[in-house]
PDB file of N, CA and C in Angstrom:
ATOM      1  N   GLU A   1      12.150  -7.492 -13.015  1.00  0.00           N
ATOM      2  CA  GLU A   1      11.417  -6.342 -12.496  1.00  0.00           C
ATOM      3  C   GLU A   1      10.043  -6.799 -12.050  1.00  0.00           C
ATOM      4  N   ILE A   2       9.676  -6.420 -10.846  1.00  0.00           N
ATOM      5  CA  ILE A   2       8.354  -6.748 -10.328  1.00  0.00           C
ATOM      6  C   ILE A   2       7.583  -5.453 -10.155  1.00  0.00           C
ATOM      7  N   ARG A   3       6.352  -5.454 -10.594  1.00  0.00           N
ATOM      8  CA  ARG A   3       5.478  -4.286 -10.469  1.00  0.00           C
ATOM      9  C   ARG A   3       4.332  -4.640  -9.542  1.00  0.00           C
ATOM     10  N   ALA A   4       3.632  -3.620  -9.084  1.00  0.00           N
ATOM     11  CA  ALA A   4       2.501  -3.873  -8.198  1.00  0.00           C
ATOM     12  C   ALA A   4       1.350  -2.940  -8.537  1.00  0.00           C
ATOM     13  N   ASN A   5       0.148  -3.490  -8.554  1.00  0.00           N
ATOM     14  CA  ASN A   5      -1.070  -2.693  -8.631  1.00  0.00           C
ATOM     15  C   ASN A   5      -1.527  -2.423  -7.207  1.00  0.00           C
ATOM     16  N   LEU A   6      -2.037  -1.245  -6.969  1.00  0.00           N
ATOM     17  CA  LEU A   6      -2.511  -0.866  -5.643  1.00  0.00           C
ATOM     18  C   LEU A   6      -4.021  -0.718  -5.656  1.00  0.00           C
ATOM     19  N   GLN A   7      -4.682  -1.392  -4.718  1.00  0.00           N
ATOM     20  CA  GLN A   7      -6.115  -1.190  -4.488  1.00  0.00           C
ATOM     21  C   GLN A   7      -6.261  -0.530  -3.132  1.00  0.00           C
ATOM     22  N   VAL A   8      -7.001   0.573  -3.079  1.00  0.00           N
ATOM     23  CA  VAL A   8      -7.205   1.317  -1.838  1.00  0.00           C
ATOM     24  C   VAL A   8      -8.645   1.138  -1.389  1.00  0.00           C
ATOM     25  N   GLU A   9      -8.836   0.686  -0.155  1.00  0.00           N
ATOM     26  CA  GLU A   9     -10.163   0.604   0.455  1.00  0.00           C
ATOM     27  C   GLU A   9     -10.193   1.574   1.617  1.00  0.00           C
ATOM     28  N   VAL A  10     -11.191   2.449   1.656  1.00  0.00           N
ATOM     29  CA  VAL A  10     -11.342   3.380   2.766  1.00  0.00           C
ATOM     30  C   VAL A  10     -12.178   2.675   3.833  1.00  0.00           C
ATOM     31  N   LEU A  11     -11.537   2.307   4.940  1.00  0.00           N
ATOM     32  CA  LEU A  11     -12.236   1.628   6.025  1.00  0.00           C
ATOM     33  C   LEU A  11     -12.977   2.623   6.906  1.00  0.00           C
ATOM     34  N   ARG A  12     -12.423   3.817   7.039  1.00  0.00           N
ATOM     35  CA  ARG A  12     -13.061   4.887   7.809  1.00  0.00           C
ATOM     36  C   ARG A  12     -12.676   6.197   7.153  1.00  0.00           C
ATOM     37  N   ALA A  13     -13.659   6.879   6.592  1.00  0.00           N
ATOM     38  CA  ALA A  13     -13.384   8.122   5.865  1.00  0.00           C
ATOM     39  C   ALA A  13     -13.016   9.235   6.830  1.00  0.00           C
ATOM     40  N   ALA A  14     -12.200  10.162   6.361  1.00  0.00           N
ATOM     41  CA  ALA A  14     -11.764  11.291   7.177  1.00  0.00           C
ATOM     42  C   ALA A  14     -12.878  12.306   7.379  1.00  0.00           C
ATOM     43  N   SER A  15     -13.851  12.313   6.473  1.00  0.00           N
ATOM     44  CA  SER A  15     -14.966  13.254   6.599  1.00  0.00           C
ATOM     45  C   SER A  15     -16.256  12.527   6.254  1.00  0.00           C
ATOM     46  N   ALA A  16     -17.341  13.227   6.356  1.00  0.00           N
ATOM     47  CA  ALA A  16     -18.650  12.613   6.124  1.00  0.00           C
ATOM     48  C   ALA A  16     -18.909  12.318   4.652  1.00  0.00           C
ATOM     49  N   GLN A  17     -18.059  12.813   3.786  1.00  0.00           N
ATOM     50  CA  GLN A  17     -18.262  12.584   2.353  1.00  0.00           C
ATOM     51  C   GLN A  17     -18.173  11.088   2.021  1.00  0.00           C
ATOM     52  N   THR A  18     -18.882  10.689   1.026  1.00  0.00           N
ATOM     53  CA  THR A  18     -18.819   9.298   0.579  1.00  0.00           C
ATOM     54  C   THR A  18     -17.579   9.120  -0.273  1.00  0.00           C
ATOM     55  N   VAL A  19     -16.808   8.107   0.064  1.00  0.00           N
ATOM     56  CA  VAL A  19     -15.580   7.847  -0.683  1.00  0.00           C
ATOM     57  C   VAL A  19     -15.701   6.466  -1.320  1.00  0.00           C
ATOM     58  N   ALA A  20     -15.601   6.416  -2.630  1.00  0.00           N
ATOM     59  CA  ALA A  20     -15.668   5.135  -3.351  1.00  0.00           C
ATOM     60  C   ALA A  20     -14.307   4.461  -3.295  1.00  0.00           C
ATOM     61  N   ASN A  21     -14.288   3.137  -3.500  1.00  0.00           N
ATOM     62  CA  ASN A  21     -13.004   2.432  -3.602  1.00  0.00           C
ATOM     63  C   ASN A  21     -12.206   3.041  -4.741  1.00  0.00           C
ATOM     64  N   ASP A  22     -10.937   3.170  -4.528  1.00  0.00           N
ATOM     65  CA  ASP A  22     -10.055   3.839  -5.470  1.00  0.00           C
ATOM     66  C   ASP A  22      -9.027   2.825  -5.939  1.00  0.00           C
ATOM     67  N   LYS A  23      -9.017   2.506  -7.227  1.00  0.00           N
ATOM     68  CA  LYS A  23      -8.049   1.552  -7.763  1.00  0.00           C
ATOM     69  C   LYS A  23      -7.059   2.310  -8.625  1.00  0.00           C
ATOM     70  N   ARG A  24      -5.767   2.113  -8.331  1.00  0.00           N
ATOM     71  CA  ARG A  24      -4.729   2.831  -9.066  1.00  0.00           C
ATOM     72  C   ARG A  24      -3.541   1.910  -9.299  1.00  0.00           C
ATOM     73  N   THR A  25      -2.842   2.170 -10.361  1.00  0.00           N
ATOM     74  CA  THR A  25      -1.534   1.555 -10.547  1.00  0.00           C
ATOM     75  C   THR A  25      -0.542   2.645 -10.205  1.00  0.00           C
ATOM     76  N   LEU A  26       0.146   2.484  -9.102  1.00  0.00           N
ATOM     77  CA  LEU A  26       0.948   3.568  -8.581  1.00  0.00           C
ATOM     78  C   LEU A  26       2.434   3.284  -8.487  1.00  0.00           C
ATOM     79  N   LEU A  27       2.851   2.028  -8.547  1.00  0.00           N
ATOM     80  CA  LEU A  27       4.252   1.840  -8.260  1.00  0.00           C
ATOM     81  C   LEU A  27       4.900   0.782  -9.102  1.00  0.00           C
ATOM     82  N   THR A  28       6.162   1.008  -9.395  1.00  0.00           N
ATOM     83  CA  THR A  28       6.993   0.046 -10.099  1.00  0.00           C
ATOM     84  C   THR A  28       8.317  -0.035  -9.369  1.00  0.00           C
ATOM     85  N   TYR A  29       8.721  -1.234  -9.020  1.00  0.00           N
ATOM     86  CA  TYR A  29      10.008  -1.452  -8.358  1.00  0.00           C
ATOM     87  C   TYR A  29      10.753  -2.556  -9.070  1.00  0.00           C
ATOM     88  N   SER A  30      12.060  -2.397  -9.172  1.00  0.00           N
ATOM     89  CA  SER A  30      12.927  -3.470  -9.624  1.00  0.00           C
ATOM     90  C   SER A  30      13.517  -4.103  -8.379  1.00  0.00           C
ATOM     91  N   LEU A  31      13.323  -5.387  -8.225  1.00  0.00           N
ATOM     92  CA  LEU A  31      13.809  -6.094  -7.049  1.00  0.00           C
ATOM     93  C   LEU A  31      14.913  -7.053  -7.437  1.00  0.00           C
ATOM     94  N   GLU A  32      15.685  -7.467  -6.461  1.00  0.00           N
ATOM     95  CA  GLU A  32      16.783  -8.392  -6.703  1.00  0.00           C
ATOM     96  C   GLU A  32      16.251  -9.708  -7.259  1.00  0.00           C
ATOM     97  N   ASN A  33      17.079 -10.397  -8.006  1.00  0.00           N
ATOM     98  CA  ASN A  33      16.675 -11.640  -8.656  1.00  0.00           C
ATOM     99  C   ASN A  33      16.278 -12.741  -7.694  1.00  0.00           C
ATOM    100  N   GLN A  34      16.704 -12.645  -6.423  1.00  0.00           N
ATOM    101  CA  GLN A  34      16.379 -13.698  -5.468  1.00  0.00           C
ATOM    102  C   GLN A  34      14.888 -13.741  -5.147  1.00  0.00           C
ATOM    103  N   VAL A  35      14.152 -12.699  -5.493  1.00  0.00           N
ATOM    104  CA  VAL A  35      12.716 -12.681  -5.245  1.00  0.00           C
ATOM    105  C   VAL A  35      12.015 -13.306  -6.436  1.00  0.00           C
ATOM    106  N   SER A  36      11.282 -14.364  -6.183  1.00  0.00           N
ATOM    107  CA  SER A  36      10.537 -15.030  -7.242  1.00  0.00           C
ATOM    108  C   SER A  36       9.100 -14.538  -7.237  1.00  0.00           C
ATOM    109  N   LEU A  37       8.635 -14.098  -8.378  1.00  0.00           N
ATOM    110  CA  LEU A  37       7.264 -13.617  -8.491  1.00  0.00           C
ATOM    111  C   LEU A  37       6.263 -14.702  -8.116  1.00  0.00           C
ATOM    112  N   LEU A  38       6.595 -15.951  -8.389  1.00  0.00           N
ATOM    113  CA  LEU A  38       5.672 -17.046  -8.104  1.00  0.00           C
ATOM    114  C   LEU A  38       5.435 -17.227  -6.616  1.00  0.00           C
ATOM    115  N   ASN A  39       6.369 -16.793  -5.794  1.00  0.00           N
ATOM    116  CA  ASN A  39       6.239 -16.975  -4.356  1.00  0.00           C
ATOM    117  C   ASN A  39       5.669 -15.765  -3.636  1.00  0.00           C
ATOM    118  N   LEU A  40       5.351 -14.703  -4.353  1.00  0.00           N
ATOM    119  CA  LEU A  40       4.871 -13.489  -3.714  1.00  0.00           C
ATOM    120  C   LEU A  40       3.356 -13.499  -3.544  1.00  0.00           C
ATOM    121  N   ASN A  41       2.928 -13.089  -2.373  1.00  0.00           N
ATOM    122  CA  ASN A  41       1.510 -12.861  -2.090  1.00  0.00           C
ATOM    123  C   ASN A  41       1.264 -11.360  -2.139  1.00  0.00           C
ATOM    124  N   PRO A  42       0.011 -10.939  -2.235  1.00  0.00           N
ATOM    125  CA  PRO A  42      -0.257  -9.509  -2.105  1.00  0.00           C
ATOM    126  C   PRO A  42       0.183  -9.017  -0.721  1.00  0.00           C
ATOM    127  N   VAL A  43       0.653  -7.787  -0.666  1.00  0.00           N
ATOM    128  CA  VAL A  43       0.990  -7.143   0.606  1.00  0.00           C
ATOM    129  C   VAL A  43      -0.218  -6.313   1.012  1.00  0.00           C
ATOM    130  N   ILE A  44      -0.677  -6.492   2.239  1.00  0.00           N
ATOM    131  CA  ILE A  44      -1.802  -5.692   2.742  1.00  0.00           C
ATOM    132  C   ILE A  44      -1.291  -4.847   3.906  1.00  0.00           C
ATOM    133  N   LEU A  45      -1.484  -3.533   3.780  1.00  0.00           N
ATOM    134  CA  LEU A  45      -1.100  -2.587   4.826  1.00  0.00           C
ATOM    135  C   LEU A  45      -2.343  -1.906   5.375  1.00  0.00           C
ATOM    136  N   LEU A  46      -2.326  -1.607   6.653  1.00  0.00           N
ATOM    137  CA  LEU A  46      -3.336  -0.753   7.275  1.00  0.00           C
ATOM    138  C   LEU A  46      -2.642   0.558   7.597  1.00  0.00           C
ATOM    139  N   PHE A  47      -3.283   1.663   7.235  1.00  0.00           N
ATOM    140  CA  PHE A  47      -2.619   2.972   7.281  1.00  0.00           C
ATOM    141  C   PHE A  47      -3.651   4.058   7.463  1.00  0.00           C
ATOM    142  N   SER A  48      -3.345   5.023   8.321  1.00  0.00           N
ATOM    143  CA  SER A  48      -4.204   6.193   8.472  1.00  0.00           C
ATOM    144  C   SER A  48      -3.392   7.441   8.185  1.00  0.00           C
ATOM    145  N   ASN A  49      -3.906   8.263   7.296  1.00  0.00           N
ATOM    146  CA  ASN A  49      -3.235   9.520   6.969  1.00  0.00           C
ATOM    147  C   ASN A  49      -4.070  10.727   7.372  1.00  0.00           C
ATOM    148  N   ASP A  50      -5.047  10.505   8.244  1.00  0.00           N
ATOM    149  CA  ASP A  50      -5.887  11.592   8.738  1.00  0.00           C
ATOM    150  C   ASP A  50      -5.331  12.066  10.081  1.00  0.00           C
ATOM    151  N   PRO A  51      -5.152  13.377  10.271  1.00  0.00           N
ATOM    152  CA  PRO A  51      -4.560  13.866  11.523  1.00  0.00           C
ATOM    153  C   PRO A  51      -5.314  13.449  12.788  1.00  0.00           C
ATOM    154  N   SER A  52      -6.620  13.266  12.705  1.00  0.00           N
ATOM    155  CA  SER A  52      -7.386  12.917  13.911  1.00  0.00           C
ATOM    156  C   SER A  52      -7.141  11.485  14.372  1.00  0.00           C
ATOM    157  N   PHE A  53      -6.699  10.613  13.476  1.00  0.00           N
ATOM    158  CA  PHE A  53      -6.358   9.240  13.874  1.00  0.00           C
ATOM    159  C   PHE A  53      -5.201   8.705  13.026  1.00  0.00           C
ATOM    160  N   ALA A  54      -4.167   9.534  12.908  1.00  0.00           N
ATOM    161  CA  ALA A  54      -2.994   9.158  12.107  1.00  0.00           C
ATOM    162  C   ALA A  54      -2.248   7.984  12.746  1.00  0.00           C
ATOM    163  N   SER A  55      -1.695   7.139  11.903  1.00  0.00           N
ATOM    164  CA  SER A  55      -0.907   6.007  12.399  1.00  0.00           C
ATOM    165  C   SER A  55       0.137   5.629  11.359  1.00  0.00           C
ATOM    166  N   GLU A  56       1.159   4.945  11.828  1.00  0.00           N
ATOM    167  CA  GLU A  56       2.168   4.397  10.930  1.00  0.00           C
ATOM    168  C   GLU A  56       1.547   3.240  10.140  1.00  0.00           C
ATOM    169  N   ALA A  57       2.047   3.014   8.959  1.00  0.00           N
ATOM    170  CA  ALA A  57       1.584   1.862   8.171  1.00  0.00           C
ATOM    171  C   ALA A  57       2.016   0.575   8.865  1.00  0.00           C
ATOM    172  N   ARG A  58       1.115  -0.377   8.925  1.00  0.00           N
ATOM    173  CA  ARG A  58       1.389  -1.682   9.530  1.00  0.00           C
ATOM    174  C   ARG A  58       1.126  -2.760   8.491  1.00  0.00           C
ATOM    175  N   ILE A  59       2.027  -3.722   8.430  1.00  0.00           N
ATOM    176  CA  ILE A  59       1.822  -4.846   7.520  1.00  0.00           C
ATOM    177  C   ILE A  59       0.807  -5.790   8.153  1.00  0.00           C
ATOM    178  N   TYR A  60      -0.322  -5.951   7.485  1.00  0.00           N
ATOM    179  CA  TYR A  60      -1.369  -6.861   7.934  1.00  0.00           C
ATOM    180  C   TYR A  60      -1.121  -8.255   7.355  1.00  0.00           C
ATOM    181  N   GLN A  61      -0.661  -8.272   6.100  1.00  0.00           N
ATOM    182  CA  GLN A  61      -0.310  -9.533   5.441  1.00  0.00           C
ATOM    183  C   GLN A  61       0.964  -9.311   4.642  1.00  0.00           C
ATOM    184  N   SER A  62       1.959 -10.128   4.892  1.00  0.00           N
ATOM    185  CA  SER A  62       3.242 -10.029   4.197  1.00  0.00           C
ATOM    186  C   SER A  62       3.170 -10.708   2.835  1.00  0.00           C
ATOM    187  N   SER A  63       4.070 -10.290   1.958  1.00  0.00           N
ATOM    188  CA  SER A  63       4.183 -10.908   0.634  1.00  0.00           C
ATOM    189  C   SER A  63       4.999 -12.187   0.669  1.00  0.00           C
ATOM    190  N   SER A  64       5.599 -12.486   1.807  1.00  0.00           N
ATOM    191  CA  SER A  64       6.554 -13.594   1.989  1.00  0.00           C
ATOM    192  C   SER A  64       7.947 -13.212   1.489  1.00  0.00           C
ATOM    193  N   SER A  65       8.157 -11.934   1.202  1.00  0.00           N
ATOM    194  CA  SER A  65       9.475 -11.437   0.797  1.00  0.00           C
ATOM    195  C   SER A  65       9.756 -10.149   1.561  1.00  0.00           C
ATOM    196  N   GLU A  66      10.772 -10.176   2.415  1.00  0.00           N
ATOM    197  CA  GLU A  66      11.130  -8.977   3.171  1.00  0.00           C
ATOM    198  C   GLU A  66      11.532  -7.841   2.239  1.00  0.00           C
ATOM    199  N   VAL A  67      12.186  -8.173   1.130  1.00  0.00           N
ATOM    200  CA  VAL A  67      12.638  -7.157   0.177  1.00  0.00           C
ATOM    201  C   VAL A  67      11.439  -6.437  -0.443  1.00  0.00           C
ATOM    202  N   PHE A  68      10.444  -7.204  -0.882  1.00  0.00           N
ATOM    203  CA  PHE A  68       9.260  -6.599  -1.488  1.00  0.00           C
ATOM    204  C   PHE A  68       8.469  -5.803  -0.443  1.00  0.00           C
ATOM    205  N   ASP A  69       8.288  -6.365   0.752  1.00  0.00           N
ATOM    206  CA  ASP A  69       7.577  -5.654   1.823  1.00  0.00           C
ATOM    207  C   ASP A  69       8.266  -4.326   2.128  1.00  0.00           C
ATOM    208  N   ARG A  70       9.594  -4.334   2.230  1.00  0.00           N
ATOM    209  CA  ARG A  70      10.344  -3.112   2.530  1.00  0.00           C
ATOM    210  C   ARG A  70      10.192  -2.106   1.397  1.00  0.00           C
ATOM    211  N   ALA A  71      10.200  -2.566   0.141  1.00  0.00           N
ATOM    212  CA  ALA A  71      10.024  -1.660  -0.997  1.00  0.00           C
ATOM    213  C   ALA A  71       8.664  -0.971  -0.932  1.00  0.00           C
ATOM    214  N   ILE A  72       7.631  -1.701  -0.549  1.00  0.00           N
ATOM    215  CA  ILE A  72       6.289  -1.122  -0.421  1.00  0.00           C
ATOM    216  C   ILE A  72       6.272  -0.084   0.696  1.00  0.00           C
ATOM    217  N   LEU A  73       6.841  -0.414   1.855  1.00  0.00           N
ATOM    218  CA  LEU A  73       6.876   0.539   2.973  1.00  0.00           C
ATOM    219  C   LEU A  73       7.679   1.782   2.611  1.00  0.00           C
ATOM    220  N   ASP A  74       8.799   1.600   1.915  1.00  0.00           N
ATOM    221  CA  ASP A  74       9.606   2.749   1.478  1.00  0.00           C
ATOM    222  C   ASP A  74       8.806   3.632   0.527  1.00  0.00           C
ATOM    223  N   TRP A  75       8.058   3.011  -0.383  1.00  0.00           N
ATOM    224  CA  TRP A  75       7.215   3.769  -1.313  1.00  0.00           C
ATOM    225  C   TRP A  75       6.197   4.596  -0.536  1.00  0.00           C
ATOM    226  N   LEU A  76       5.554   3.982   0.455  1.00  0.00           N
ATOM    227  CA  LEU A  76       4.520   4.667   1.223  1.00  0.00           C
ATOM    228  C   LEU A  76       5.100   5.793   2.081  1.00  0.00           C
ATOM    229  N   ASN A  77       6.349   5.677   2.483  1.00  0.00           N
ATOM    230  CA  ASN A  77       6.977   6.716   3.299  1.00  0.00           C
ATOM    231  C   ASN A  77       7.339   7.966   2.506  1.00  0.00           C
ATOM    232  N   GLU A  78       7.273   7.895   1.194  1.00  0.00           N
ATOM    233  CA  GLU A  78       7.487   9.080   0.360  1.00  0.00           C
ATOM    234  C   GLU A  78       6.247   9.966   0.463  1.00  0.00           C
ATOM    235  N   PRO A  79       6.388  11.199   0.946  1.00  0.00           N
ATOM    236  CA  PRO A  79       5.209  12.065   1.126  1.00  0.00           C
ATOM    237  C   PRO A  79       4.358  12.224  -0.131  1.00  0.00           C
ATOM    238  N   SER A  80       4.982  12.320  -1.294  1.00  0.00           N
ATOM    239  CA  SER A  80       4.189  12.512  -2.522  1.00  0.00           C
ATOM    240  C   SER A  80       3.277  11.313  -2.787  1.00  0.00           C
ATOM    241  N   ASN A  81       3.709  10.118  -2.382  1.00  0.00           N
ATOM    242  CA  ASN A  81       2.879   8.927  -2.578  1.00  0.00           C
ATOM    243  C   ASN A  81       1.761   8.849  -1.544  1.00  0.00           C
ATOM    244  N   SER A  82       2.097   9.003  -0.278  1.00  0.00           N
ATOM    245  CA  SER A  82       1.071   8.891   0.763  1.00  0.00           C
ATOM    246  C   SER A  82       0.046  10.014   0.655  1.00  0.00           C
ATOM    247  N   GLN A  83       0.463  11.197   0.215  1.00  0.00           N
ATOM    248  CA  GLN A  83      -0.473  12.314   0.075  1.00  0.00           C
ATOM    249  C   GLN A  83      -1.404  12.154  -1.120  1.00  0.00           C
ATOM    250  N   SER A  84      -1.077  11.269  -2.047  1.00  0.00           N
ATOM    251  CA  SER A  84      -1.945  11.061  -3.199  1.00  0.00           C
ATOM    252  C   SER A  84      -3.118  10.136  -2.873  1.00  0.00           C
ATOM    253  N   LEU A  85      -3.110   9.542  -1.683  1.00  0.00           N
ATOM    254  CA  LEU A  85      -4.175   8.621  -1.277  1.00  0.00           C
ATOM    255  C   LEU A  85      -5.328   9.383  -0.646  1.00  0.00           C
ATOM    256  N   PRO A  86      -6.542   8.809  -0.673  1.00  0.00           N
ATOM    257  CA  PRO A  86      -7.666   9.465   0.006  1.00  0.00           C
ATOM    258  C   PRO A  86      -7.392   9.533   1.510  1.00  0.00           C
ATOM    259  N   ASN A  87      -7.950  10.535   2.188  1.00  0.00           N
ATOM    260  CA  ASN A  87      -7.758  10.672   3.629  1.00  0.00           C
ATOM    261  C   ASN A  87      -8.673   9.717   4.382  1.00  0.00           C
ATOM    262  N   GLY A  88      -8.126   9.086   5.409  1.00  0.00           N
ATOM    263  CA  GLY A  88      -8.917   8.200   6.252  1.00  0.00           C
ATOM    264  C   GLY A  88      -8.076   7.026   6.727  1.00  0.00           C
ATOM    265  N   TYR A  89      -8.760   6.042   7.290  1.00  0.00           N
ATOM    266  CA  TYR A  89      -8.115   4.799   7.700  1.00  0.00           C
ATOM    267  C   TYR A  89      -8.230   3.863   6.513  1.00  0.00           C
ATOM    268  N   LEU A  90      -7.099   3.444   5.965  1.00  0.00           N
ATOM    269  CA  LEU A  90      -7.070   2.770   4.677  1.00  0.00           C
ATOM    270  C   LEU A  90      -6.530   1.354   4.770  1.00  0.00           C
ATOM    271  N   LYS A  91      -7.058   0.515   3.927  1.00  0.00           N
ATOM    272  CA  LYS A  91      -6.501  -0.818   3.685  1.00  0.00           C
ATOM    273  C   LYS A  91      -5.886  -0.769   2.289  1.00  0.00           C
ATOM    274  N   LEU A  92      -4.565  -0.909   2.228  1.00  0.00           N
ATOM    275  CA  LEU A  92      -3.842  -0.828   0.968  1.00  0.00           C
ATOM    276  C   LEU A  92      -3.377  -2.225   0.585  1.00  0.00           C
ATOM    277  N   THR A  93      -3.832  -2.688  -0.564  1.00  0.00           N
ATOM    278  CA  THR A  93      -3.429  -4.022  -1.046  1.00  0.00           C
ATOM    279  C   THR A  93      -2.600  -3.847  -2.307  1.00  0.00           C
ATOM    280  N   PHE A  94      -1.361  -4.315  -2.253  1.00  0.00           N
ATOM    281  CA  PHE A  94      -0.430  -4.241  -3.380  1.00  0.00           C
ATOM    282  C   PHE A  94      -0.326  -5.629  -4.000  1.00  0.00           C
ATOM    283  N   TYR A  95      -0.752  -5.755  -5.258  1.00  0.00           N
ATOM    284  CA  TYR A  95      -0.722  -7.031  -5.974  1.00  0.00           C
ATOM    285  C   TYR A  95       0.500  -7.075  -6.883  1.00  0.00           C
ATOM    286  N   PRO A  96       1.480  -7.935  -6.597  1.00  0.00           N
ATOM    287  CA  PRO A  96       2.658  -8.004  -7.465  1.00  0.00           C
ATOM    288  C   PRO A  96       2.328  -8.693  -8.800  1.00  0.00           C
ATOM    289  N   TYR A  97       2.986  -8.249  -9.846  1.00  0.00           N
ATOM    290  CA  TYR A  97       2.846  -8.919 -11.154  1.00  0.00           C
ATOM    291  C   TYR A  97       4.110  -8.766 -11.949  1.00  0.00           C
TER     292      TYR A  97
END
């Protein structure tokens, strides 16, 4: 089982309010045995959930595992997960452990 910690950086806030960096542990995934934790890098996604500049999540840096990258994207596509993030243009870094 591989887990990931999520660090959220707000690159551009949705409103004039000051938004501090938000660190959360949000996800746990069990991945196939072919994925070695030693070979995984953090996954970095760029994502906007603000209607004025909404965009699909883009992988900025891959983990070197398509399975892990896909699990992260699938997690983010769940509305309950993406809606729990601060509004704005975000840099999402998932650290596997």
